[in-house]
Every structure is written in C-alpha cells, then in structure tokens.
C-alpha cells in the first residue's frame, strides 16, 4: 500500500499546479448539454475520492461492505458547474492527500479485505484502480495523451 500511496502523492503534487493553470473558461466549457465540463470532471474526482475513502475505511472493519457510487447523480446534485473553481481544486487535492494518509496506515493483511461495489475487490485492488481512474480523468482535463481506463 505504501507504493500506491507514494504514487498517488506524486501524481497529485504534479497535477495540482497544472490544474490551477487551466483557465476557468476552459474548465467551465460543456461540449454537450449532457457531457461533463472539465470542472464537473474534477467534481467527479472529488466524489470518487470520497466514495473510495469510505471503501478503504469501512472494508477494514466490516465484512464485504457494499458501497456504490451513482456518479451522474452526485455530480448533478452537487452542481459542480457552479462551484468555485479554486475551492474545487483544493477539495480534490485535500481529499487525495487524505487517501494517501489512509493507504499508508493499511496493513498488508487489511489490504486484502474485500469491498463490494459493482464487483468484489480487495482494498489493494481498489486503491490501484483508483489511481488509474484518476489518471484517466486528469488526462482529459489537462488535454494530455489519453490514458485508457475501462
């Protein structure tokens, strides 16, 4: 879990100034009415962080908790399009720093505990998948080479 935490910490420190440099008009642009803006993608990543924090913690003391995330509902209800951009980026950053702290404190035994969402996975698998998901969306926001994510 230490390696996953270190990778996440490196990524968020690298991406933070790059996110802060994206002009607000680019962050607010919606390519289609039902497609997320870059700002809404950052909001989705904050939601994903919150849901994964819950998974990483609850799976350590409950047997196979079932924790799901309805992303469109969360993004819509939170109305990230109207969220202050600086606050949203800081929220994303702080939540991810918190995830790093949690991951650093998960023992090897605990990392193999199971959490259910759509499928059942270990905490370790969920943490590695979380990084792939984050990279996929950050690459979209920053117009970097596409990072494939299922």
N, C-alpha and C. Protein backbone atom coordinates (compact mmCIF):
# COMPACT_ATOMS: atom_id res chain seq x y z
N UNK A 1 0.82 -1.19 0.00
CA UNK A 1 0.00 0.00 0.00
C UNK A 1 0.87 1.26 0.00
N UNK A 2 2.10 1.11 0.52
CA UNK A 2 2.99 2.26 0.54
C UNK A 2 3.32 2.74 -0.87
N UNK A 3 3.54 1.80 -1.78
CA UNK A 3 3.87 2.18 -3.16
C UNK A 3 2.69 2.88 -3.83
N UNK A 4 1.48 2.40 -3.57
CA UNK A 4 0.30 3.02 -4.16
C UNK A 4 0.12 4.43 -3.60
N UNK A 5 0.29 4.56 -2.29
CA UNK A 5 0.18 5.87 -1.66
C UNK A 5 1.23 6.84 -2.21
N UNK A 6 2.46 6.36 -2.35
CA UNK A 6 3.53 7.21 -2.88
C UNK A 6 3.23 7.66 -4.31
N UNK A 7 2.73 6.75 -5.12
CA UNK A 7 2.39 7.12 -6.50
C UNK A 7 1.28 8.17 -6.51
N UNK A 8 0.26 7.96 -5.70
CA UNK A 8 -0.84 8.93 -5.64
C UNK A 8 -0.33 10.28 -5.17
N UNK A 9 0.48 10.30 -4.14
CA UNK A 9 1.01 11.57 -3.62
C UNK A 9 1.82 12.29 -4.70
N UNK A 10 2.64 11.57 -5.43
CA UNK A 10 3.43 12.17 -6.51
C UNK A 10 2.52 12.74 -7.59
N UNK A 11 1.48 12.00 -7.95
CA UNK A 11 0.57 12.46 -9.00
C UNK A 11 -0.17 13.74 -8.60
N UNK A 12 -0.70 13.77 -7.39
CA UNK A 12 -1.48 14.95 -7.01
C UNK A 12 -0.60 16.19 -6.88
N UNK A 13 0.64 15.99 -6.44
CA UNK A 13 1.55 17.13 -6.36
C UNK A 13 1.95 17.62 -7.75
N UNK A 14 2.08 16.70 -8.68
CA UNK A 14 2.41 17.07 -10.06
C UNK A 14 1.22 17.75 -10.75
N UNK A 15 0.02 17.22 -10.52
CA UNK A 15 -1.16 17.72 -11.23
C UNK A 15 -1.74 18.99 -10.64
N UNK A 16 -1.54 19.24 -9.35
CA UNK A 16 -2.15 20.41 -8.72
C UNK A 16 -1.81 21.72 -9.45
N UNK A 17 -0.56 22.07 -9.66
CA UNK A 17 -0.29 23.34 -10.34
C UNK A 17 -0.78 23.36 -11.78
N UNK A 18 -0.80 22.20 -12.40
CA UNK A 18 -1.29 22.14 -13.78
C UNK A 18 -2.80 22.38 -13.84
N UNK A 19 -3.53 21.84 -12.87
CA UNK A 19 -4.97 22.10 -12.81
C UNK A 19 -5.24 23.57 -12.52
N UNK A 20 -4.47 24.13 -11.60
CA UNK A 20 -4.66 25.54 -11.23
C UNK A 20 -4.37 26.47 -12.41
N UNK A 21 -3.58 26.01 -13.38
CA UNK A 21 -3.22 26.85 -14.53
C UNK A 21 -4.25 26.81 -15.66
N UNK A 22 -5.20 25.90 -15.61
CA UNK A 22 -6.21 25.82 -16.67
C UNK A 22 -7.16 27.00 -16.51
N UNK A 23 -7.35 27.80 -17.56
CA UNK A 23 -8.27 28.94 -17.47
C UNK A 23 -9.70 28.51 -17.13
N UNK A 24 -10.35 29.32 -16.33
CA UNK A 24 -11.69 28.98 -15.87
C UNK A 24 -12.66 28.77 -17.02
N UNK A 25 -12.54 29.56 -18.09
CA UNK A 25 -13.47 29.38 -19.22
C UNK A 25 -13.31 27.99 -19.85
N UNK A 26 -12.09 27.46 -19.85
CA UNK A 26 -11.89 26.09 -20.36
C UNK A 26 -12.48 25.07 -19.39
N UNK A 27 -12.35 25.32 -18.11
CA UNK A 27 -12.90 24.40 -17.11
C UNK A 27 -14.43 24.37 -17.16
N UNK A 28 -15.03 25.51 -17.49
CA UNK A 28 -16.50 25.61 -17.49
C UNK A 28 -17.15 25.13 -18.77
N UNK A 29 -16.39 25.01 -19.86
CA UNK A 29 -16.97 24.67 -21.15
C UNK A 29 -17.58 23.27 -21.15
N UNK A 30 -18.86 23.20 -21.57
CA UNK A 30 -19.55 21.91 -21.70
C UNK A 30 -19.65 21.58 -23.19
N UNK A 31 -19.01 20.50 -23.63
CA UNK A 31 -19.04 20.16 -25.05
C UNK A 31 -20.44 19.82 -25.56
N UNK A 32 -21.25 19.24 -24.70
CA UNK A 32 -22.66 18.93 -24.99
C UNK A 32 -23.44 19.10 -23.69
N UNK A 33 -24.74 19.39 -23.78
CA UNK A 33 -25.51 19.61 -22.53
C UNK A 33 -25.41 18.46 -21.51
N UNK A 34 -25.34 17.23 -21.98
CA UNK A 34 -25.30 16.09 -21.05
C UNK A 34 -23.88 15.57 -20.80
N UNK A 35 -22.87 16.22 -21.39
CA UNK A 35 -21.48 15.84 -21.14
C UNK A 35 -20.91 16.75 -20.05
N UNK A 36 -20.05 16.19 -19.23
CA UNK A 36 -19.46 16.96 -18.15
C UNK A 36 -18.43 17.95 -18.68
N UNK A 37 -18.39 19.11 -18.05
CA UNK A 37 -17.30 20.06 -18.28
C UNK A 37 -16.07 19.55 -17.55
N UNK A 38 -14.94 20.17 -17.79
CA UNK A 38 -13.72 19.80 -17.07
C UNK A 38 -13.90 20.04 -15.57
N UNK A 39 -14.62 21.10 -15.23
CA UNK A 39 -14.89 21.39 -13.82
C UNK A 39 -15.72 20.27 -13.20
N UNK A 40 -16.71 19.79 -13.93
CA UNK A 40 -17.54 18.70 -13.42
C UNK A 40 -16.73 17.40 -13.31
N UNK A 41 -15.76 17.21 -14.20
CA UNK A 41 -14.88 16.05 -14.08
C UNK A 41 -14.07 16.13 -12.79
N UNK A 42 -13.57 17.32 -12.46
CA UNK A 42 -12.84 17.49 -11.18
C UNK A 42 -13.79 17.20 -10.02
N UNK A 43 -15.03 17.67 -10.12
CA UNK A 43 -16.01 17.35 -9.08
C UNK A 43 -16.24 15.85 -8.97
N UNK A 44 -16.34 15.19 -10.11
CA UNK A 44 -16.50 13.73 -10.12
C UNK A 44 -15.31 13.06 -9.42
N UNK A 45 -14.10 13.58 -9.66
CA UNK A 45 -12.93 13.01 -8.99
C UNK A 45 -12.97 13.25 -7.48
N UNK A 46 -13.52 14.38 -7.05
CA UNK A 46 -13.69 14.61 -5.61
C UNK A 46 -14.71 13.63 -5.04
N UNK A 47 -15.80 13.40 -5.77
CA UNK A 47 -16.79 12.42 -5.33
C UNK A 47 -16.19 11.03 -5.26
N UNK A 48 -15.42 10.67 -6.29
CA UNK A 48 -14.77 9.37 -6.33
C UNK A 48 -13.84 9.20 -5.12
N UNK A 49 -13.11 10.26 -4.81
CA UNK A 49 -12.23 10.21 -3.63
C UNK A 49 -13.05 9.95 -2.37
N UNK A 50 -14.17 10.65 -2.21
CA UNK A 50 -14.99 10.47 -1.01
C UNK A 50 -15.53 9.05 -0.92
N UNK A 51 -15.98 8.51 -2.03
CA UNK A 51 -16.51 7.16 -2.03
C UNK A 51 -15.43 6.12 -1.75
N UNK A 52 -14.24 6.36 -2.28
CA UNK A 52 -13.15 5.42 -2.03
C UNK A 52 -12.61 5.54 -0.62
N UNK A 53 -12.61 6.73 -0.06
CA UNK A 53 -12.26 6.86 1.36
C UNK A 53 -13.17 5.97 2.19
N UNK A 54 -14.45 6.04 1.90
CA UNK A 54 -15.41 5.20 2.63
C UNK A 54 -15.09 3.71 2.44
N UNK A 55 -14.82 3.31 1.20
CA UNK A 55 -14.50 1.90 0.94
C UNK A 55 -13.24 1.48 1.70
N UNK A 56 -12.19 2.30 1.62
CA UNK A 56 -10.91 1.93 2.24
C UNK A 56 -11.03 1.81 3.75
N UNK A 57 -11.91 2.58 4.35
CA UNK A 57 -12.07 2.53 5.81
C UNK A 57 -13.06 1.45 6.23
N UNK A 58 -14.26 1.47 5.65
CA UNK A 58 -15.31 0.55 6.09
C UNK A 58 -14.92 -0.91 5.84
N UNK A 59 -14.25 -1.19 4.73
CA UNK A 59 -13.86 -2.57 4.44
C UNK A 59 -12.86 -3.11 5.45
N UNK A 60 -12.23 -2.25 6.23
CA UNK A 60 -11.30 -2.73 7.25
C UNK A 60 -12.00 -3.23 8.51
N UNK A 61 -13.26 -2.82 8.71
CA UNK A 61 -13.95 -3.28 9.93
C UNK A 61 -15.28 -3.96 9.67
N UNK A 62 -15.78 -3.92 8.44
CA UNK A 62 -16.99 -4.67 8.09
C UNK A 62 -16.62 -5.75 7.08
N UNK A 63 -17.32 -6.85 7.13
CA UNK A 63 -17.08 -7.91 6.16
C UNK A 63 -17.81 -7.61 4.85
N UNK A 64 -17.04 -7.42 3.81
CA UNK A 64 -17.52 -7.19 2.46
C UNK A 64 -18.66 -6.16 2.37
N UNK A 65 -18.39 -4.93 2.82
CA UNK A 65 -19.43 -3.90 2.71
C UNK A 65 -19.77 -3.64 1.24
N UNK A 66 -20.99 -3.23 1.01
CA UNK A 66 -21.46 -2.94 -0.35
C UNK A 66 -21.59 -1.42 -0.46
N UNK A 67 -20.64 -0.79 -1.17
CA UNK A 67 -20.61 0.67 -1.28
C UNK A 67 -20.61 1.03 -2.76
N UNK A 68 -21.70 1.65 -3.19
CA UNK A 68 -21.82 2.02 -4.60
C UNK A 68 -21.81 3.54 -4.74
N UNK A 69 -21.60 4.00 -5.97
CA UNK A 69 -21.49 5.42 -6.27
C UNK A 69 -22.23 5.69 -7.56
N UNK A 70 -23.26 6.50 -7.49
CA UNK A 70 -24.03 6.89 -8.67
C UNK A 70 -23.50 8.23 -9.15
N UNK A 71 -22.52 8.17 -10.04
CA UNK A 71 -21.73 9.34 -10.40
C UNK A 71 -22.55 10.47 -11.01
N UNK A 72 -23.46 10.19 -11.91
CA UNK A 72 -24.22 11.28 -12.53
C UNK A 72 -25.10 12.00 -11.50
N UNK A 73 -25.68 11.23 -10.59
CA UNK A 73 -26.50 11.85 -9.55
C UNK A 73 -25.66 12.73 -8.64
N UNK A 74 -24.50 12.25 -8.23
CA UNK A 74 -23.63 13.04 -7.35
C UNK A 74 -23.19 14.33 -8.02
N UNK A 75 -22.73 14.23 -9.27
CA UNK A 75 -22.25 15.42 -9.97
C UNK A 75 -23.40 16.41 -10.16
N UNK A 76 -24.57 15.90 -10.57
CA UNK A 76 -25.71 16.79 -10.80
C UNK A 76 -26.22 17.45 -9.53
N UNK A 77 -26.38 16.68 -8.48
CA UNK A 77 -26.91 17.22 -7.22
C UNK A 77 -25.94 18.23 -6.61
N UNK A 78 -24.65 17.97 -6.72
CA UNK A 78 -23.66 18.88 -6.15
C UNK A 78 -23.53 20.16 -6.97
N UNK A 79 -23.90 20.10 -8.24
CA UNK A 79 -23.87 21.26 -9.14
C UNK A 79 -22.46 21.85 -9.22
N UNK A 80 -21.50 20.99 -9.58
CA UNK A 80 -20.11 21.43 -9.68
C UNK A 80 -19.90 22.53 -10.71
N UNK A 81 -20.79 22.63 -11.68
CA UNK A 81 -20.63 23.68 -12.69
C UNK A 81 -20.64 25.07 -12.04
N UNK A 82 -21.31 25.21 -10.90
CA UNK A 82 -21.39 26.49 -10.20
C UNK A 82 -20.44 26.58 -9.00
N UNK A 83 -19.63 25.57 -8.79
CA UNK A 83 -18.71 25.51 -7.64
C UNK A 83 -17.54 26.45 -7.90
N UNK A 84 -17.03 27.08 -6.89
CA UNK A 84 -15.84 27.91 -7.03
C UNK A 84 -14.68 27.02 -7.47
N UNK A 85 -14.04 27.37 -8.59
CA UNK A 85 -13.02 26.51 -9.17
C UNK A 85 -11.82 26.31 -8.25
N UNK A 86 -11.32 27.36 -7.65
CA UNK A 86 -10.17 27.22 -6.74
C UNK A 86 -10.50 26.31 -5.56
N UNK A 87 -11.70 26.49 -5.00
CA UNK A 87 -12.12 25.64 -3.88
C UNK A 87 -12.24 24.19 -4.32
N UNK A 88 -12.76 23.97 -5.52
CA UNK A 88 -12.95 22.61 -6.03
C UNK A 88 -11.61 21.90 -6.23
N UNK A 89 -10.65 22.60 -6.79
CA UNK A 89 -9.33 22.01 -6.99
C UNK A 89 -8.68 21.71 -5.64
N UNK A 90 -8.83 22.60 -4.68
CA UNK A 90 -8.27 22.36 -3.34
C UNK A 90 -8.97 21.18 -2.66
N UNK A 91 -10.29 21.08 -2.84
CA UNK A 91 -11.03 19.95 -2.28
C UNK A 91 -10.49 18.64 -2.85
N UNK A 92 -10.31 18.59 -4.17
CA UNK A 92 -9.77 17.40 -4.83
C UNK A 92 -8.40 17.05 -4.23
N UNK A 93 -7.55 18.05 -4.07
CA UNK A 93 -6.20 17.84 -3.58
C UNK A 93 -6.21 17.33 -2.13
N UNK A 94 -7.00 17.97 -1.29
CA UNK A 94 -7.03 17.58 0.14
C UNK A 94 -7.61 16.18 0.31
N UNK A 95 -8.66 15.86 -0.43
CA UNK A 95 -9.23 14.51 -0.34
C UNK A 95 -8.20 13.46 -0.74
N UNK A 96 -7.42 13.76 -1.76
CA UNK A 96 -6.41 12.80 -2.20
C UNK A 96 -5.25 12.70 -1.21
N UNK A 97 -4.88 13.80 -0.58
CA UNK A 97 -3.88 13.73 0.49
C UNK A 97 -4.40 12.85 1.63
N UNK A 98 -5.68 12.96 1.92
CA UNK A 98 -6.30 12.14 2.96
C UNK A 98 -6.26 10.66 2.57
N UNK A 99 -6.52 10.36 1.31
CA UNK A 99 -6.43 8.98 0.85
C UNK A 99 -5.01 8.45 1.05
N UNK A 100 -4.01 9.26 0.72
CA UNK A 100 -2.62 8.83 0.92
C UNK A 100 -2.39 8.46 2.39
N UNK A 101 -2.88 9.29 3.29
CA UNK A 101 -2.71 9.01 4.72
C UNK A 101 -3.39 7.69 5.09
N UNK A 102 -4.60 7.48 4.60
CA UNK A 102 -5.32 6.24 4.91
C UNK A 102 -4.56 5.03 4.37
N UNK A 103 -4.12 5.10 3.11
CA UNK A 103 -3.42 3.98 2.50
C UNK A 103 -2.13 3.65 3.24
N UNK A 104 -1.44 4.67 3.70
CA UNK A 104 -0.18 4.46 4.43
C UNK A 104 -0.39 3.70 5.74
N UNK A 105 -1.60 3.71 6.23
CA UNK A 105 -1.89 3.07 7.51
C UNK A 105 -2.62 1.74 7.38
N UNK A 106 -2.78 1.25 6.17
CA UNK A 106 -3.43 -0.05 5.96
C UNK A 106 -2.35 -1.13 5.98
N UNK A 107 -2.53 -2.11 6.83
CA UNK A 107 -1.56 -3.21 6.92
C UNK A 107 -1.71 -4.12 5.69
N UNK A 108 -0.67 -4.92 5.42
CA UNK A 108 -0.78 -5.87 4.30
C UNK A 108 -1.99 -6.80 4.45
N UNK A 109 -2.27 -7.22 5.66
CA UNK A 109 -3.43 -8.10 5.87
C UNK A 109 -4.74 -7.36 5.57
N UNK A 110 -4.85 -6.16 6.07
CA UNK A 110 -6.08 -5.39 5.84
C UNK A 110 -6.26 -5.06 4.36
N UNK A 111 -5.16 -4.90 3.63
CA UNK A 111 -5.26 -4.54 2.21
C UNK A 111 -5.93 -5.64 1.38
N UNK A 112 -6.02 -6.83 1.94
CA UNK A 112 -6.64 -7.95 1.23
C UNK A 112 -8.11 -8.15 1.59
N UNK A 113 -8.62 -7.28 2.44
CA UNK A 113 -10.06 -7.36 2.77
C UNK A 113 -10.88 -6.93 1.57
N UNK A 114 -12.09 -7.42 1.50
CA UNK A 114 -12.95 -7.24 0.32
C UNK A 114 -13.98 -6.15 0.55
N UNK A 115 -14.22 -5.39 -0.52
CA UNK A 115 -15.31 -4.42 -0.57
C UNK A 115 -16.08 -4.70 -1.86
N UNK A 116 -17.39 -4.57 -1.78
CA UNK A 116 -18.23 -4.78 -2.96
C UNK A 116 -18.76 -3.45 -3.47
N UNK A 117 -18.71 -3.26 -4.76
CA UNK A 117 -19.42 -2.16 -5.42
C UNK A 117 -20.20 -2.85 -6.53
N UNK A 118 -19.80 -2.68 -7.78
CA UNK A 118 -20.41 -3.48 -8.84
C UNK A 118 -19.88 -4.91 -8.76
N UNK A 119 -18.62 -5.05 -8.37
CA UNK A 119 -17.96 -6.34 -8.19
C UNK A 119 -17.24 -6.33 -6.84
N UNK A 120 -16.74 -7.49 -6.46
CA UNK A 120 -15.97 -7.59 -5.22
C UNK A 120 -14.49 -7.48 -5.53
N UNK A 121 -13.80 -6.64 -4.74
CA UNK A 121 -12.36 -6.45 -4.93
C UNK A 121 -11.71 -6.21 -3.57
N UNK A 122 -10.40 -6.48 -3.53
CA UNK A 122 -9.65 -6.16 -2.32
C UNK A 122 -9.44 -4.65 -2.23
N UNK A 123 -9.14 -4.19 -1.04
CA UNK A 123 -8.81 -2.78 -0.85
C UNK A 123 -7.61 -2.42 -1.72
N UNK A 124 -6.63 -3.30 -1.77
CA UNK A 124 -5.43 -3.03 -2.57
C UNK A 124 -5.79 -2.85 -4.05
N UNK A 125 -6.65 -3.71 -4.58
CA UNK A 125 -7.07 -3.60 -5.97
C UNK A 125 -7.82 -2.28 -6.18
N UNK A 126 -8.71 -1.95 -5.26
CA UNK A 126 -9.47 -0.70 -5.39
C UNK A 126 -8.55 0.52 -5.38
N UNK A 127 -7.52 0.49 -4.54
CA UNK A 127 -6.59 1.62 -4.46
C UNK A 127 -5.81 1.76 -5.77
N UNK A 128 -5.34 0.65 -6.34
CA UNK A 128 -4.62 0.72 -7.61
C UNK A 128 -5.56 1.18 -8.73
N UNK A 129 -6.78 0.70 -8.72
CA UNK A 129 -7.76 1.10 -9.72
C UNK A 129 -8.12 2.57 -9.59
N UNK A 130 -8.17 3.06 -8.36
CA UNK A 130 -8.46 4.47 -8.12
C UNK A 130 -7.44 5.36 -8.83
N UNK A 131 -6.17 4.98 -8.80
CA UNK A 131 -5.13 5.77 -9.46
C UNK A 131 -5.33 5.76 -10.97
N UNK A 132 -5.67 4.60 -11.53
CA UNK A 132 -5.93 4.52 -12.98
C UNK A 132 -7.09 5.44 -13.37
N UNK A 133 -8.14 5.41 -12.57
CA UNK A 133 -9.32 6.24 -12.81
C UNK A 133 -8.97 7.72 -12.75
N UNK A 134 -8.18 8.09 -11.74
CA UNK A 134 -7.75 9.48 -11.58
C UNK A 134 -6.94 9.93 -12.80
N UNK A 135 -5.98 9.11 -13.21
CA UNK A 135 -5.15 9.45 -14.37
C UNK A 135 -6.01 9.63 -15.63
N UNK A 136 -6.93 8.73 -15.83
CA UNK A 136 -7.81 8.80 -17.00
C UNK A 136 -8.49 10.17 -17.08
N UNK A 137 -9.09 10.59 -15.97
CA UNK A 137 -9.83 11.85 -15.99
C UNK A 137 -8.93 13.08 -15.97
N UNK A 138 -7.84 13.03 -15.24
CA UNK A 138 -6.93 14.18 -15.24
C UNK A 138 -6.35 14.39 -16.64
N UNK A 139 -6.06 13.31 -17.32
CA UNK A 139 -5.56 13.44 -18.70
C UNK A 139 -6.61 14.11 -19.59
N UNK A 140 -7.88 13.83 -19.36
CA UNK A 140 -8.96 14.51 -20.11
C UNK A 140 -8.94 16.00 -19.80
N UNK A 141 -8.87 16.34 -18.54
CA UNK A 141 -8.94 17.75 -18.12
C UNK A 141 -7.74 18.54 -18.64
N UNK A 142 -6.56 17.93 -18.59
CA UNK A 142 -5.34 18.64 -18.97
C UNK A 142 -4.98 18.47 -20.45
N UNK A 143 -5.84 17.80 -21.20
CA UNK A 143 -5.60 17.55 -22.63
C UNK A 143 -4.28 16.83 -22.86
N UNK A 144 -4.00 15.85 -22.02
CA UNK A 144 -2.82 15.02 -22.17
C UNK A 144 -3.17 13.80 -23.01
N UNK A 145 -2.15 13.02 -23.37
CA UNK A 145 -2.40 11.80 -24.11
C UNK A 145 -3.40 10.95 -23.36
N UNK A 146 -4.35 10.37 -24.09
CA UNK A 146 -5.41 9.59 -23.47
C UNK A 146 -4.82 8.48 -22.60
N UNK A 147 -5.35 8.35 -21.41
CA UNK A 147 -4.97 7.26 -20.50
C UNK A 147 -6.16 6.31 -20.46
N UNK A 148 -6.01 5.15 -21.06
CA UNK A 148 -7.12 4.21 -21.19
C UNK A 148 -7.54 3.69 -19.82
N UNK A 149 -8.83 3.70 -19.61
CA UNK A 149 -9.41 3.16 -18.39
C UNK A 149 -10.73 2.49 -18.80
N UNK A 150 -10.93 1.24 -18.38
CA UNK A 150 -12.15 0.54 -18.82
C UNK A 150 -13.43 1.29 -18.56
